[in-house]
Each structure stands twice: as structure tokens, then as C-alpha cells.
């Protein structure tokens, strides 16, 4: 049956003493398994994008700055509170009614990150575990070992 995991048929008895050879033999089967898996579910990569289709323009600080009125909510998260305007000044309104520049906003963000570092780390690790679990569910059994 072509749907079965081919990794099971690597000659383990012959290769078990040499972990490197066993790993190489197992890895040789994975690309074709992944290709078969994705084709069977009609999942194909996006077409390649030509380099000339990608537009990269230089950033001009004098003309490309945007004014964004923001306030910090009770959780310390920034919230846009009004209309966004393109401007040469990067002055924004804070919740206290005063103004601050981009470097002050960055500094406040860094302080927030420092203050909540442990919680952000826990949430990030939990998110990564969930993503990994979902990826493993979608892979053939043989490929799950390598994720």
C-alpha cells in the first residue's frame, strides 16, 4: 500500500549499529513521503515570484513618517485612537494628552516587554507547542519523528 509509511521498511537490523547510516536511510524516504502526502491532499506550493515583481523602495525619513494617534490601554497595549496621517513629524499623542516621539514609544514598548517577559515567554512556548502539535497531526507518521 503506497499510503503506508515507508520509513518502517528501512533495514533496521542492518543499520541499527550505525546511527548515522540509519538516519540517512530514513531521511532518504522522507521527501518522497512528503510529496506523496501533499499531492494526495491537492496541496501545492505557490508559484515562484519573479524578482522584478518585488518592489523595494528606499525609506525616506523626512517624507515617509506617519502620524498615528495612540493611547495605552489599561493592559499597556497601544490602541489607535484617531485618524492616521502621513507627515514629516513623528509626533503622537499619549493617554496623558502629552506628545512623545517614536524613540519614546519604542522605549515604552521595551519596558513593557521587560516587565512581562516571563508571561510572554510562557505564551510563546505554548503557542509553539500548539503549532508543532498541529503540524505533526498533518504529517505522515514517519515524518512526525523529525518535527
N, C-alpha and C. Protein backbone atom coordinates (compact mmCIF):
# COMPACT_ATOMS: atom_id res chain seq x y z
N UNK A 1 0.85 -1.18 0.00
CA UNK A 1 0.00 0.00 0.00
C UNK A 1 0.89 1.23 0.00
N UNK A 2 0.70 2.13 -0.97
CA UNK A 2 1.56 3.31 -1.09
C UNK A 2 1.32 4.32 0.01
N UNK A 3 0.18 4.26 0.67
CA UNK A 3 -0.13 5.21 1.74
C UNK A 3 0.63 4.88 3.03
N UNK A 4 1.15 3.66 3.14
CA UNK A 4 1.86 3.26 4.36
C UNK A 4 3.15 4.03 4.49
N UNK A 5 3.61 4.11 5.69
CA UNK A 5 4.86 4.81 5.97
C UNK A 5 6.05 3.97 5.51
N UNK A 6 6.78 4.46 4.56
CA UNK A 6 7.92 3.73 4.02
C UNK A 6 9.07 3.66 5.02
N UNK A 7 9.08 4.56 5.97
CA UNK A 7 10.16 4.60 6.95
C UNK A 7 10.26 3.28 7.72
N UNK A 8 9.16 2.57 7.85
CA UNK A 8 9.16 1.28 8.56
C UNK A 8 10.02 0.24 7.85
N UNK A 9 10.23 0.43 6.57
CA UNK A 9 10.90 -0.59 5.79
C UNK A 9 12.39 -0.31 5.60
N UNK A 10 12.93 0.65 6.34
CA UNK A 10 14.37 0.83 6.36
C UNK A 10 14.94 -0.39 7.08
N UNK A 11 16.02 -0.94 6.56
CA UNK A 11 16.58 -2.16 7.13
C UNK A 11 17.24 -1.85 8.48
N UNK A 12 16.43 -1.85 9.51
CA UNK A 12 16.89 -1.50 10.85
C UNK A 12 17.93 -2.50 11.37
N UNK A 13 17.70 -3.77 11.15
CA UNK A 13 18.62 -4.80 11.65
C UNK A 13 20.03 -4.58 11.09
N UNK A 14 20.10 -4.17 9.85
CA UNK A 14 21.40 -3.97 9.21
C UNK A 14 22.05 -2.65 9.65
N UNK A 15 21.23 -1.64 9.92
CA UNK A 15 21.77 -0.31 10.15
C UNK A 15 21.75 0.16 11.61
N UNK A 16 21.19 -0.62 12.52
CA UNK A 16 20.99 -0.12 13.88
C UNK A 16 22.29 0.20 14.61
N UNK A 17 23.39 -0.42 14.23
CA UNK A 17 24.66 -0.16 14.90
C UNK A 17 25.25 1.19 14.49
N UNK A 18 24.90 1.65 13.30
CA UNK A 18 25.42 2.93 12.80
C UNK A 18 24.27 3.93 12.72
N UNK A 19 24.16 4.74 13.77
CA UNK A 19 23.03 5.69 13.84
C UNK A 19 23.04 6.66 12.67
N UNK A 20 24.22 7.05 12.24
CA UNK A 20 24.32 8.00 11.12
C UNK A 20 23.75 7.38 9.84
N UNK A 21 24.11 6.14 9.56
CA UNK A 21 23.61 5.46 8.36
C UNK A 21 22.10 5.22 8.45
N UNK A 22 21.64 4.85 9.65
CA UNK A 22 20.20 4.63 9.85
C UNK A 22 19.43 5.93 9.62
N UNK A 23 19.94 7.02 10.17
CA UNK A 23 19.29 8.32 9.98
C UNK A 23 19.29 8.71 8.51
N UNK A 24 20.42 8.52 7.83
CA UNK A 24 20.50 8.87 6.41
C UNK A 24 19.50 8.05 5.60
N UNK A 25 19.41 6.76 5.89
CA UNK A 25 18.46 5.90 5.16
C UNK A 25 17.02 6.34 5.41
N UNK A 26 16.72 6.67 6.66
CA UNK A 26 15.37 7.13 6.99
C UNK A 26 15.06 8.46 6.30
N UNK A 27 16.04 9.37 6.34
CA UNK A 27 15.82 10.69 5.72
C UNK A 27 15.67 10.61 4.21
N UNK A 28 16.26 9.60 3.59
CA UNK A 28 16.11 9.43 2.15
C UNK A 28 14.65 9.18 1.76
N UNK A 29 13.87 8.61 2.65
CA UNK A 29 12.47 8.29 2.34
C UNK A 29 11.54 9.48 2.56
N UNK A 30 11.93 10.42 3.38
CA UNK A 30 11.00 11.49 3.78
C UNK A 30 10.57 12.40 2.63
N UNK A 31 11.47 12.89 1.76
CA UNK A 31 11.00 13.80 0.70
C UNK A 31 9.89 13.20 -0.16
N UNK A 32 10.05 11.95 -0.56
CA UNK A 32 9.01 11.34 -1.40
C UNK A 32 7.72 11.13 -0.61
N UNK A 33 7.83 10.82 0.68
CA UNK A 33 6.63 10.68 1.50
C UNK A 33 5.89 12.00 1.61
N UNK A 34 6.64 13.07 1.86
CA UNK A 34 6.00 14.38 1.98
C UNK A 34 5.36 14.79 0.66
N UNK A 35 6.04 14.53 -0.44
CA UNK A 35 5.49 14.88 -1.75
C UNK A 35 4.20 14.10 -2.00
N UNK A 36 4.20 12.81 -1.71
CA UNK A 36 3.00 11.99 -1.88
C UNK A 36 1.88 12.48 -0.98
N UNK A 37 2.21 12.80 0.25
CA UNK A 37 1.21 13.28 1.21
C UNK A 37 0.53 14.55 0.71
N UNK A 38 1.34 15.54 0.32
CA UNK A 38 0.77 16.81 -0.12
C UNK A 38 0.00 16.67 -1.44
N UNK A 39 0.52 15.88 -2.37
CA UNK A 39 -0.19 15.68 -3.64
C UNK A 39 -1.53 14.98 -3.41
N UNK A 40 -1.56 14.01 -2.49
CA UNK A 40 -2.81 13.28 -2.23
C UNK A 40 -3.88 14.20 -1.66
N UNK A 41 -3.46 15.30 -1.05
CA UNK A 41 -4.41 16.26 -0.48
C UNK A 41 -4.53 17.52 -1.34
N UNK A 42 -3.96 17.43 -2.56
CA UNK A 42 -4.00 18.53 -3.53
C UNK A 42 -3.46 19.84 -2.95
N UNK A 43 -2.35 19.73 -2.22
CA UNK A 43 -1.67 20.89 -1.65
C UNK A 43 -0.40 21.12 -2.46
N UNK A 44 -0.31 22.28 -3.10
CA UNK A 44 0.83 22.58 -3.95
C UNK A 44 1.45 23.91 -3.52
N UNK A 45 2.75 24.09 -3.76
CA UNK A 45 3.38 25.36 -3.38
C UNK A 45 2.88 26.49 -4.27
N UNK A 46 2.98 27.70 -3.77
CA UNK A 46 2.62 28.87 -4.58
C UNK A 46 3.63 29.00 -5.71
N UNK A 47 3.21 29.57 -6.85
CA UNK A 47 4.16 29.76 -7.94
C UNK A 47 5.27 30.72 -7.51
N UNK A 48 6.45 30.50 -8.06
CA UNK A 48 7.57 31.37 -7.72
C UNK A 48 7.31 32.77 -8.24
N UNK A 49 7.77 33.74 -7.48
CA UNK A 49 7.59 35.14 -7.86
C UNK A 49 8.88 35.64 -8.47
N UNK A 50 8.77 36.29 -9.61
CA UNK A 50 9.94 36.84 -10.28
C UNK A 50 10.51 37.98 -9.45
N UNK A 51 11.82 38.13 -9.45
CA UNK A 51 12.47 39.19 -8.68
C UNK A 51 12.01 40.58 -9.09
N UNK A 52 11.72 40.77 -10.39
CA UNK A 52 11.31 42.11 -10.83
C UNK A 52 9.89 42.45 -10.39
N UNK A 53 9.13 41.47 -9.89
CA UNK A 53 7.79 41.74 -9.37
C UNK A 53 7.84 42.27 -7.94
N UNK A 54 8.96 42.10 -7.26
CA UNK A 54 9.11 42.56 -5.89
C UNK A 54 9.62 44.00 -5.92
N UNK A 55 8.83 44.90 -5.35
CA UNK A 55 9.18 46.31 -5.37
C UNK A 55 9.75 46.70 -4.01
N UNK A 56 10.98 47.19 -4.02
CA UNK A 56 11.62 47.67 -2.80
C UNK A 56 11.99 49.12 -3.04
N UNK A 57 11.42 49.98 -2.20
CA UNK A 57 11.70 51.40 -2.34
C UNK A 57 12.49 51.88 -1.12
N UNK A 58 13.42 52.80 -1.33
CA UNK A 58 14.18 53.31 -0.19
C UNK A 58 13.28 54.09 0.76
N UNK A 59 13.58 54.00 2.03
CA UNK A 59 12.81 54.70 3.05
C UNK A 59 13.37 56.11 3.20
N UNK A 60 12.49 57.09 3.12
CA UNK A 60 12.88 58.48 3.29
C UNK A 60 12.24 58.98 4.57
N UNK A 61 13.04 59.16 5.61
CA UNK A 61 12.51 59.53 6.93
C UNK A 61 11.74 60.85 6.90
N UNK A 62 12.17 61.78 6.07
CA UNK A 62 11.54 63.10 6.03
C UNK A 62 10.13 63.05 5.46
N UNK A 63 9.88 62.14 4.51
CA UNK A 63 8.57 62.12 3.86
C UNK A 63 7.74 60.88 4.17
N UNK A 64 8.36 59.83 4.68
CA UNK A 64 7.65 58.57 4.86
C UNK A 64 7.14 58.32 6.27
N UNK A 65 7.38 59.24 7.20
CA UNK A 65 6.86 59.06 8.55
C UNK A 65 5.35 59.21 8.54
N UNK A 66 4.70 58.53 9.45
CA UNK A 66 3.25 58.58 9.55
C UNK A 66 2.88 58.91 10.99
N UNK A 67 1.99 59.88 11.16
CA UNK A 67 1.49 60.21 12.49
C UNK A 67 0.36 59.25 12.85
N UNK A 68 0.49 58.61 13.98
CA UNK A 68 -0.53 57.68 14.44
C UNK A 68 -0.92 58.06 15.87
N UNK A 69 -2.14 58.56 16.07
CA UNK A 69 -2.56 58.88 17.43
C UNK A 69 -2.87 57.60 18.20
N UNK A 70 -2.12 57.35 19.26
CA UNK A 70 -2.33 56.13 20.03
C UNK A 70 -2.46 56.45 21.51
N UNK A 71 -3.11 55.53 22.20
CA UNK A 71 -3.18 55.59 23.66
C UNK A 71 -2.87 54.20 24.18
N UNK A 72 -2.34 54.14 25.38
CA UNK A 72 -2.08 52.86 26.02
C UNK A 72 -3.31 52.50 26.84
N UNK A 73 -3.84 51.29 26.62
CA UNK A 73 -5.00 50.89 27.42
C UNK A 73 -4.54 50.38 28.78
N UNK A 74 -5.47 49.92 29.60
CA UNK A 74 -5.14 49.51 30.97
C UNK A 74 -4.19 48.32 31.02
N UNK A 75 -4.12 47.53 29.93
CA UNK A 75 -3.21 46.40 29.87
C UNK A 75 -1.82 46.79 29.37
N UNK A 76 -1.67 48.06 29.02
CA UNK A 76 -0.39 48.52 28.50
C UNK A 76 -0.24 48.31 27.01
N UNK A 77 -1.33 47.93 26.33
CA UNK A 77 -1.29 47.73 24.89
C UNK A 77 -1.59 49.04 24.17
N UNK A 78 -0.87 49.34 23.08
CA UNK A 78 -1.17 50.56 22.32
C UNK A 78 -2.44 50.38 21.50
N UNK A 79 -3.27 51.43 21.46
CA UNK A 79 -4.53 51.41 20.72
C UNK A 79 -4.59 52.67 19.86
N UNK A 80 -4.88 52.51 18.55
CA UNK A 80 -5.02 53.66 17.67
C UNK A 80 -6.33 54.36 18.02
N UNK A 81 -6.26 55.69 18.27
CA UNK A 81 -7.44 56.41 18.76
C UNK A 81 -7.97 57.45 17.79
N UNK A 82 -7.41 57.58 16.63
CA UNK A 82 -7.90 58.60 15.70
C UNK A 82 -7.42 58.31 14.29
N UNK A 83 -7.46 59.35 13.45
CA UNK A 83 -7.06 59.20 12.06
C UNK A 83 -5.54 59.14 11.93
N UNK A 84 -5.09 58.35 10.98
CA UNK A 84 -3.66 58.20 10.71
C UNK A 84 -3.31 59.14 9.56
N UNK A 85 -2.27 59.95 9.74
CA UNK A 85 -1.88 60.93 8.72
C UNK A 85 -0.42 60.75 8.36
N UNK A 86 -0.13 60.88 7.07
CA UNK A 86 1.27 60.90 6.65
C UNK A 86 1.82 62.28 6.98
N UNK A 87 3.01 62.31 7.52
CA UNK A 87 3.57 63.57 7.95
C UNK A 87 5.08 63.45 8.05
N UNK A 88 5.74 64.59 8.10
CA UNK A 88 7.19 64.56 8.29
C UNK A 88 7.54 64.54 9.77
N UNK A 89 6.54 64.78 10.63
CA UNK A 89 6.78 64.72 12.07
C UNK A 89 6.25 63.41 12.62
N UNK A 90 6.99 62.80 13.51
CA UNK A 90 6.56 61.54 14.10
C UNK A 90 6.05 61.79 15.50
N UNK A 91 5.21 62.80 15.68
CA UNK A 91 4.69 63.13 16.99
C UNK A 91 3.35 62.45 17.17
N UNK A 92 3.16 61.81 18.31
CA UNK A 92 1.93 61.08 18.58
C UNK A 92 1.41 61.48 19.94
N UNK A 93 0.11 61.32 20.16
CA UNK A 93 -0.50 61.69 21.42
C UNK A 93 -0.54 60.48 22.36
N UNK A 94 -0.19 60.69 23.60
CA UNK A 94 -0.26 59.62 24.58
C UNK A 94 -1.55 59.74 25.37
N UNK A 95 -1.80 58.78 26.23
CA UNK A 95 -3.02 58.80 27.03
C UNK A 95 -3.04 59.96 28.02
N UNK A 96 -1.90 60.55 28.30
CA UNK A 96 -1.87 61.69 29.23
C UNK A 96 -2.12 63.00 28.51
N UNK A 97 -2.28 62.97 27.20
CA UNK A 97 -2.52 64.19 26.45
C UNK A 97 -1.24 64.84 25.97
N UNK A 98 -0.10 64.42 26.46
CA UNK A 98 1.18 64.97 26.03
C UNK A 98 1.62 64.29 24.75
N UNK A 99 2.70 64.75 24.18
CA UNK A 99 3.18 64.11 22.96
C UNK A 99 4.49 63.40 23.24
N UNK A 100 4.76 62.38 22.45
CA UNK A 100 6.03 61.69 22.55
C UNK A 100 6.47 61.29 21.15
N UNK A 101 7.74 61.09 20.98
CA UNK A 101 8.23 60.73 19.65
C UNK A 101 8.41 59.22 19.54
N UNK A 102 8.85 58.78 18.39
CA UNK A 102 8.96 57.35 18.13
C UNK A 102 9.94 56.68 19.09
N UNK A 103 11.04 57.33 19.43
CA UNK A 103 12.00 56.70 20.33
C UNK A 103 11.39 56.50 21.72
N UNK A 104 10.55 57.44 22.17
CA UNK A 104 9.87 57.25 23.45
C UNK A 104 8.88 56.09 23.38
N UNK A 105 8.18 55.98 22.25
CA UNK A 105 7.24 54.87 22.08
C UNK A 105 7.99 53.54 22.10
N UNK A 106 9.15 53.49 21.44
CA UNK A 106 9.96 52.27 21.44
C UNK A 106 10.44 51.95 22.85
N UNK A 107 10.83 52.96 23.58
CA UNK A 107 11.30 52.77 24.95
C UNK A 107 10.17 52.21 25.82
N UNK A 108 8.95 52.74 25.67
CA UNK A 108 7.82 52.23 26.43
C UNK A 108 7.53 50.77 26.07
N UNK A 109 7.65 50.46 24.78
CA UNK A 109 7.45 49.08 24.34
C UNK A 109 8.48 48.14 24.95
N UNK A 110 9.73 48.58 24.99
CA UNK A 110 10.79 47.76 25.58
C UNK A 110 10.55 47.55 27.07
N UNK A 111 10.09 48.60 27.75
CA UNK A 111 9.79 48.47 29.18
C UNK A 111 8.65 47.48 29.40
N UNK A 112 7.63 47.54 28.54
CA UNK A 112 6.51 46.61 28.64
C UNK A 112 7.00 45.17 28.44
N UNK A 113 7.84 44.97 27.42
CA UNK A 113 8.37 43.63 27.14
C UNK A 113 9.19 43.12 28.32
N UNK A 114 10.01 43.98 28.90
CA UNK A 114 10.84 43.59 30.03
C UNK A 114 9.97 43.22 31.23
N UNK A 115 8.93 44.02 31.47
CA UNK A 115 8.04 43.80 32.61
C UNK A 115 7.28 42.48 32.49
N UNK A 116 6.89 42.13 31.27
CA UNK A 116 6.06 40.94 31.06
C UNK A 116 6.82 39.81 30.36
N UNK A 117 8.14 39.80 30.51
CA UNK A 117 8.99 38.84 29.81
C UNK A 117 8.60 37.39 30.09
N UNK A 118 8.38 37.04 31.36
CA UNK A 118 8.05 35.66 31.71
C UNK A 118 6.72 35.23 31.10
N UNK A 119 5.72 36.10 31.20
CA UNK A 119 4.40 35.76 30.67
C UNK A 119 4.46 35.63 29.14
N UNK A 120 5.17 36.54 28.49
CA UNK A 120 5.30 36.48 27.04
C UNK A 120 6.03 35.19 26.65
N UNK A 121 7.06 34.82 27.40
CA UNK A 121 7.78 33.58 27.13
C UNK A 121 6.90 32.36 27.26
N UNK A 122 6.07 32.33 28.32
CA UNK A 122 5.15 31.20 28.50
C UNK A 122 4.15 31.10 27.35
N UNK A 123 3.59 32.23 26.97
CA UNK A 123 2.61 32.24 25.88
C UNK A 123 3.28 31.82 24.57
N UNK A 124 4.49 32.30 24.34
CA UNK A 124 5.21 31.94 23.12
C UNK A 124 5.50 30.44 23.08
N UNK A 125 5.97 29.89 24.20
CA UNK A 125 6.26 28.45 24.24
C UNK A 125 4.99 27.63 24.04
N UNK A 126 3.89 28.05 24.66
CA UNK A 126 2.62 27.34 24.49
C UNK A 126 2.17 27.39 23.04
N UNK A 127 2.28 28.57 22.42
CA UNK A 127 1.91 28.72 21.02
C UNK A 127 2.76 27.80 20.14
N UNK A 128 4.07 27.78 20.38
CA UNK A 128 4.96 26.93 19.58
C UNK A 128 4.62 25.46 19.74
N UNK A 129 4.28 25.04 20.98
CA UNK A 129 3.87 23.64 21.18
C UNK A 129 2.60 23.32 20.41
N UNK A 130 1.64 24.24 20.43
CA UNK A 130 0.37 24.02 19.72
C UNK A 130 0.61 23.93 18.21
N UNK A 131 1.46 24.81 17.69
CA UNK A 131 1.76 24.79 16.26
C UNK A 131 2.43 23.48 15.90
N UNK A 132 3.40 23.07 16.70
CA UNK A 132 4.11 21.81 16.45
C UNK A 132 3.15 20.63 16.48
N UNK A 133 2.23 20.63 17.44
CA UNK A 133 1.25 19.56 17.55
C UNK A 133 0.36 19.51 16.30
N UNK A 134 -0.07 20.67 15.82
CA UNK A 134 -0.93 20.72 14.63
C UNK A 134 -0.16 20.26 13.39
N UNK A 135 1.11 20.64 13.30
CA UNK A 135 1.92 20.21 12.16
C UNK A 135 2.07 18.69 12.19
N UNK A 136 2.35 18.14 13.37
CA UNK A 136 2.52 16.69 13.48
C UNK A 136 1.26 15.95 13.07
N UNK A 137 0.08 16.51 13.41
CA UNK A 137 -1.18 15.86 13.04
C UNK A 137 -1.32 15.74 11.53
N UNK A 138 -0.78 16.71 10.81
CA UNK A 138 -0.97 16.76 9.37
C UNK A 138 0.11 15.99 8.59
N UNK A 139 1.18 15.58 9.27
CA UNK A 139 2.26 14.87 8.60
C UNK A 139 2.05 13.36 8.66
N UNK A 140 2.64 12.63 7.71
CA UNK A 140 2.61 11.17 7.81
C UNK A 140 3.37 10.74 9.07
N UNK A 141 3.03 9.59 9.58
CA UNK A 141 3.63 9.12 10.84
C UNK A 141 5.15 9.11 10.80
N UNK A 142 5.74 8.72 9.69
CA UNK A 142 7.19 8.61 9.61
C UNK A 142 7.87 9.97 9.76
N UNK A 143 7.25 11.00 9.27
CA UNK A 143 7.87 12.33 9.32
C UNK A 143 7.69 12.98 10.68
N UNK A 144 6.76 12.51 11.49
CA UNK A 144 6.49 13.12 12.79
C UNK A 144 7.68 13.04 13.73
N UNK A 145 8.49 12.01 13.59
CA UNK A 145 9.66 11.82 14.44
C UNK A 145 10.64 12.98 14.30
N UNK A 146 10.72 13.57 13.11
CA UNK A 146 11.71 14.59 12.82
C UNK A 146 11.22 16.00 13.13
N UNK A 147 9.99 16.17 13.57
CA UNK A 147 9.45 17.50 13.88
C UNK A 147 9.62 17.79 15.34
